[in-house]
């Protein structure tokens, strides 16, 4: 199988390692706007070759777009001459704007996917062969993809040990705003709140696991997450408003010393982990 991976950071690099672990007779071509990433990907054995010409991707079996969501929007029109049998899978954290922007001539080539995994680290050196194993991948509007493309995408994600869920792109974006995009906004807010204090280093010295867990994703790429917030603006604003309502409710109960009501409010929140 001839594979092209556009974006050789954590997601793309980890996908390359996972494919190498699972399949033999694999050729992987890499592309990254960061030349240093290309050099590192070759040195680490993530890819067999690096190119700076997207025309080299036209006859490949599989093309993976593991780049920020705005990058996906700009790259898709440049892949409009791929073979009819080529499968293009994007890994974007938003889906509706991407699905709506796919050029009609390659809509059947395209599979909209969101692997629900990642770390705060970036670059080829952050790649992990087991990043995708056991994780959820959401496939959106799959009925608009071609039969060959649907079959290949489902086989690869299954072979890598992922749990596949199917969803409409707009529905995905609503849900992702709550379970992914808003938590990033909260983590950035927490980090900035601490950094504004007189002696943030003294505060960090007291930090335990809870603070580290909540602030960890504030290390994530601002370039990537600015684009995600932009593409999913309305859903994210609704999620933030919902969160603010709960936080203000907590604030009022503390201010008015409604400790029993606060206790019940916390108990209700405990129920989330019965679902998880």
Protein backbone atom coordinates (compact mmCIF):
# COMPACT_ATOMS: atom_id res chain seq x y z
CA UNK A 1 0.00 0.00 0.00
CA UNK A 2 1.27 3.44 -0.94
CA UNK A 3 0.45 6.02 1.72
CA UNK A 4 0.95 9.76 1.85
CA UNK A 5 0.90 11.63 5.14
CA UNK A 6 0.54 15.39 5.09
CA UNK A 7 1.65 16.70 8.46
CA UNK A 8 4.46 14.81 10.20
CA UNK A 9 3.85 15.84 13.79
CA UNK A 10 2.30 13.87 16.64
CA UNK A 11 -0.82 12.68 14.81
CA UNK A 12 0.73 12.02 11.40
CA UNK A 13 3.93 10.52 12.81
CA UNK A 14 2.03 8.25 15.21
CA UNK A 15 -0.23 7.09 12.39
CA UNK A 16 2.83 6.21 10.31
CA UNK A 17 4.28 4.14 13.17
CA UNK A 18 0.95 2.41 13.75
CA UNK A 19 0.67 1.51 10.05
CA UNK A 20 4.21 0.13 10.02
CA UNK A 21 3.44 -2.03 13.06
CA UNK A 22 0.31 -3.45 11.41
CA UNK A 23 1.15 -3.82 7.71
CA UNK A 24 3.97 -5.16 5.57
CA UNK A 25 4.90 -3.89 2.08
CA UNK A 26 4.13 -0.31 2.99
CA UNK A 27 5.56 2.81 1.33
CA UNK A 28 5.02 6.09 3.15
CA UNK A 29 5.53 9.47 1.51
CA UNK A 30 5.63 12.50 3.79
CA UNK A 31 4.89 16.20 3.34
CA UNK A 32 5.25 18.98 5.89
CA UNK A 33 5.55 22.75 5.51
CA UNK A 34 8.22 22.60 8.23
CA UNK A 35 11.39 21.33 6.53
CA UNK A 36 12.89 20.29 9.86
CA UNK A 37 9.91 18.03 10.51
CA UNK A 38 10.57 16.30 7.22
CA UNK A 39 14.22 15.71 8.12
CA UNK A 40 13.30 14.36 11.55
CA UNK A 41 10.57 12.11 10.13
CA UNK A 42 13.11 10.52 7.78
CA UNK A 43 15.67 10.08 10.56
CA UNK A 44 13.09 8.46 12.82
CA UNK A 45 11.88 6.12 10.08
CA UNK A 46 8.36 7.51 10.10
CA UNK A 47 8.40 7.92 6.32
CA UNK A 48 10.42 6.49 3.44
CA UNK A 49 10.59 9.72 1.49
CA UNK A 50 9.65 13.39 1.84
CA UNK A 51 8.37 15.62 -0.93
CA UNK A 52 7.46 19.28 -1.29
CA UNK A 53 5.19 18.64 -4.29
CA UNK A 54 1.58 17.57 -3.68
CA UNK A 55 1.39 16.24 -7.24
CA UNK A 56 3.40 13.28 -5.95
CA UNK A 57 0.30 12.24 -4.00
CA UNK A 58 -2.03 11.87 -6.98
CA UNK A 59 -1.58 8.11 -7.50
CA UNK A 60 -1.31 6.95 -3.89
CA UNK A 61 -3.75 4.51 -2.30
CA UNK A 62 -4.23 6.56 0.86
CA UNK A 63 -3.64 10.20 1.79
CA UNK A 64 -3.92 11.29 5.41
CA UNK A 65 -4.33 14.96 6.33
CA UNK A 66 -2.88 15.29 9.84
CA UNK A 67 -2.60 19.07 9.86
CA UNK A 68 -4.50 21.96 11.53
CA UNK A 69 -8.07 22.40 10.34
CA UNK A 70 -7.41 25.56 8.32
CA UNK A 71 -4.55 23.75 6.60
CA UNK A 72 -6.96 21.00 5.61
CA UNK A 73 -9.23 23.57 3.96
CA UNK A 74 -6.33 24.93 1.91
CA UNK A 75 -4.86 21.54 0.92
CA UNK A 76 -8.03 19.79 -0.24
CA UNK A 77 -8.43 21.79 -3.51
CA UNK A 78 -4.81 20.94 -4.34
CA UNK A 79 -5.68 17.23 -4.28
CA UNK A 80 -8.51 17.46 -6.81
CA UNK A 81 -6.60 15.44 -9.44
CA UNK A 82 -6.12 12.26 -7.39
CA UNK A 83 -6.99 8.85 -8.79
CA UNK A 84 -10.63 7.73 -8.46
CA UNK A 85 -9.47 4.90 -6.18
CA UNK A 86 -7.43 7.10 -3.84
CA UNK A 87 -8.77 7.51 -0.32
CA UNK A 88 -8.28 10.86 1.45
CA UNK A 89 -8.83 10.87 5.23
CA UNK A 90 -8.64 14.03 7.31
CA UNK A 91 -7.94 14.04 11.05
CA UNK A 92 -9.42 17.47 11.77
CA UNK A 93 -10.92 18.26 15.19
CA UNK A 94 -13.86 19.99 13.50
CA UNK A 95 -15.87 18.39 10.74
CA UNK A 96 -18.74 20.41 9.25
CA UNK A 97 -16.74 23.22 7.66
CA UNK A 98 -14.26 20.69 6.29
CA UNK A 99 -16.96 18.40 4.87
CA UNK A 100 -18.73 21.37 3.29
CA UNK A 101 -15.49 22.55 1.64
CA UNK A 102 -14.46 19.32 -0.11
CA UNK A 103 -14.31 19.90 -3.88
CA UNK A 104 -17.16 17.97 -5.56
CA UNK A 105 -14.77 16.11 -7.88
CA UNK A 106 -13.10 14.37 -4.93
CA UNK A 107 -16.05 14.07 -2.52
CA UNK A 108 -16.24 10.31 -3.02
CA UNK A 109 -12.50 10.07 -2.36
CA UNK A 110 -12.90 11.79 0.97
CA UNK A 111 -13.56 10.32 4.42
CA UNK A 112 -14.07 12.76 7.31
CA UNK A 113 -12.54 11.32 10.47
CA UNK A 114 -11.72 12.56 13.95
CA UNK A 115 -9.48 10.24 15.98
CA UNK A 116 -10.20 11.15 19.61
CA UNK A 117 -6.65 10.96 20.84
CA UNK A 118 -3.54 13.08 21.22
CA UNK A 119 -1.15 14.57 23.73
CA UNK A 120 0.08 18.07 24.49
CA UNK A 121 3.36 17.26 22.73
CA UNK A 122 4.14 18.04 19.09
CA UNK A 123 6.59 17.29 16.29
CA UNK A 124 7.83 14.01 14.80
CA UNK A 125 9.73 13.09 17.97
CA UNK A 126 6.41 13.01 19.86
CA UNK A 127 5.09 10.16 17.68
CA UNK A 128 3.87 7.06 19.53
CA UNK A 129 3.07 3.72 17.83
CA UNK A 130 0.18 3.01 20.22
CA UNK A 131 -1.42 6.49 20.19
CA UNK A 132 -4.50 5.20 18.32
CA UNK A 133 -4.91 1.77 19.91
CA UNK A 134 -8.09 1.46 21.94
CA UNK A 135 -9.20 5.00 21.13
CA UNK A 136 -12.41 6.24 19.47
CA UNK A 137 -12.51 7.49 15.89
CA UNK A 138 -15.61 9.31 14.62
CA UNK A 139 -16.44 8.96 10.93
CA UNK A 140 -18.79 11.67 9.63
CA UNK A 141 -21.20 11.72 6.67
CA UNK A 142 -19.78 8.40 5.50
CA UNK A 143 -22.66 7.89 3.09
CA UNK A 144 -21.13 10.62 0.89
CA UNK A 145 -17.86 8.70 0.52
CA UNK A 146 -17.23 6.08 -2.17
CA UNK A 147 -17.51 2.36 -1.45
CA UNK A 148 -13.76 1.78 -1.85
CA UNK A 149 -13.00 4.67 0.47
CA UNK A 150 -15.51 3.61 3.13
CA UNK A 151 -14.20 0.06 3.13
CA UNK A 152 -10.52 1.07 3.36
CA UNK A 153 -11.08 3.62 6.14
CA UNK A 154 -13.07 1.19 8.28
CA UNK A 155 -10.52 -1.59 7.74
CA UNK A 156 -7.52 0.56 8.67
CA UNK A 157 -9.07 2.01 11.82
CA UNK A 158 -10.28 -1.46 12.87
CA UNK A 159 -6.87 -2.99 12.18
CA UNK A 160 -5.27 -0.31 14.37
CA UNK A 161 -7.56 -1.31 17.24
CA UNK A 162 -9.79 1.76 17.20
CA UNK A 163 -13.47 1.94 18.16
CA UNK A 164 -15.49 3.37 15.25
CA UNK A 165 -18.50 5.65 15.75
CA UNK A 166 -20.61 7.20 12.99
CA UNK A 167 -22.04 10.68 13.20
CA UNK A 168 -23.29 13.64 11.19
CA UNK A 169 -20.63 16.35 10.90
CA UNK A 170 -22.79 19.05 12.52
CA UNK A 171 -23.67 16.72 15.40
CA UNK A 172 -19.99 15.88 15.85
CA UNK A 173 -19.08 19.56 16.15
CA UNK A 174 -21.75 20.16 18.81
CA UNK A 175 -20.50 17.25 20.90
CA UNK A 176 -16.81 18.05 20.34
CA UNK A 177 -17.38 21.58 21.63
CA UNK A 178 -18.26 20.12 25.05
CA UNK A 179 -15.83 17.23 25.39
CA UNK A 180 -12.78 18.61 23.57
CA UNK A 181 -12.89 22.26 22.54
CA UNK A 182 -14.33 23.78 25.73
CA UNK A 183 -11.90 21.83 27.97
CA UNK A 184 -9.03 23.36 25.99
CA UNK A 185 -10.52 26.83 26.50
CA UNK A 186 -10.83 26.12 30.24
CA UNK A 187 -7.27 24.85 30.48
CA UNK A 188 -5.89 27.95 28.76
CA UNK A 189 -8.02 30.11 31.09
CA UNK A 190 -6.76 28.30 34.19
CA UNK A 191 -3.15 28.68 33.07
CA UNK A 192 -3.57 32.39 32.38
CA UNK A 193 -5.36 32.94 35.71
CA UNK A 194 -2.38 31.46 37.56
CA UNK A 195 0.16 33.33 35.44
CA UNK A 196 -1.51 36.65 36.39
CA UNK A 197 -0.87 36.11 40.09
CA UNK A 198 1.98 37.92 41.86
CA UNK A 199 4.09 34.80 42.28
CA UNK A 200 2.99 32.05 39.89
CA UNK A 201 6.10 29.96 40.60
CA UNK A 202 5.13 29.73 44.27
CA UNK A 203 1.63 28.59 43.29
CA UNK A 204 2.99 25.95 40.92
CA UNK A 205 5.21 24.61 43.72
CA UNK A 206 2.00 23.51 45.47
CA UNK A 207 0.51 21.94 42.33
CA UNK A 208 -0.67 18.37 42.67
CA UNK A 209 -2.07 15.92 40.17
CA UNK A 210 -5.42 17.69 39.85
CA UNK A 211 -3.93 20.99 38.76
CA UNK A 212 -1.46 19.27 36.44
CA UNK A 213 -4.26 17.24 34.82
CA UNK A 214 -6.42 20.32 34.30
CA UNK A 215 -3.63 22.53 32.98
CA UNK A 216 -1.79 19.93 30.87
CA UNK A 217 -3.62 20.65 27.62
CA UNK A 218 -2.78 24.36 27.94
CA UNK A 219 0.55 23.24 26.44
CA UNK A 220 -1.26 22.45 23.17
CA UNK A 221 -0.44 24.37 20.00
CA UNK A 222 -2.07 27.85 19.91
CA UNK A 223 -1.91 27.76 16.09
CA UNK A 224 -3.93 24.56 15.96
CA UNK A 225 -6.49 25.51 18.60
CA UNK A 226 -7.10 29.03 17.35
CA UNK A 227 -8.18 27.47 14.06
CA UNK A 228 -10.39 24.91 15.83
CA UNK A 229 -12.08 27.62 17.91
CA UNK A 230 -12.62 29.69 14.76
CA UNK A 231 -14.22 26.83 12.82
CA UNK A 232 -16.48 25.75 15.68
CA UNK A 233 -17.21 29.21 17.06
CA UNK A 234 -20.98 28.98 17.63
CA UNK A 235 -20.92 25.55 19.27
CA UNK A 236 -17.98 26.53 21.45
CA UNK A 237 -19.69 29.73 22.62
CA UNK A 238 -22.76 27.70 23.61
CA UNK A 239 -20.59 25.23 25.53
CA UNK A 240 -18.73 28.05 27.32
CA UNK A 241 -22.06 29.71 28.23
CA UNK A 242 -23.30 26.43 29.71
CA UNK A 243 -20.10 26.05 31.73
CA UNK A 244 -20.24 29.67 32.92
CA UNK A 245 -23.77 29.06 34.17
CA UNK A 246 -22.60 26.14 36.30
CA UNK A 247 -19.54 28.04 37.57
CA UNK A 248 -21.72 31.02 38.54
CA UNK A 249 -24.09 28.66 40.33
CA UNK A 250 -21.13 27.29 42.29
CA UNK A 251 -19.99 30.82 43.05
CA UNK A 252 -23.43 31.82 44.40
CA UNK A 253 -23.67 28.77 46.66
CA UNK A 254 -20.24 29.47 48.14
CA UNK A 255 -21.00 33.17 48.55
CA UNK A 256 -24.32 32.51 50.33
CA UNK A 257 -22.88 29.54 52.27
CA UNK A 258 -25.40 27.03 50.87
CA UNK A 259 -23.16 24.13 51.78
CA UNK A 260 -25.77 21.38 51.58
CA UNK A 261 -26.88 22.55 48.13
CA UNK A 262 -23.23 22.72 47.07
CA UNK A 263 -22.69 19.17 48.33
CA UNK A 264 -25.67 17.92 46.30
CA UNK A 265 -24.39 19.81 43.24
CA UNK A 266 -21.03 18.04 43.58
CA UNK A 267 -22.73 14.66 44.03
CA UNK A 268 -24.68 15.20 40.83
CA UNK A 269 -21.39 15.94 39.01
CA UNK A 270 -19.97 12.64 40.34
CA UNK A 271 -22.53 10.88 38.15
CA UNK A 272 -20.58 11.76 35.02
CA UNK A 273 -18.02 9.10 35.81
CA UNK A 274 -20.72 6.43 35.88
CA UNK A 275 -21.18 7.23 32.17
CA UNK A 276 -17.45 7.37 31.49
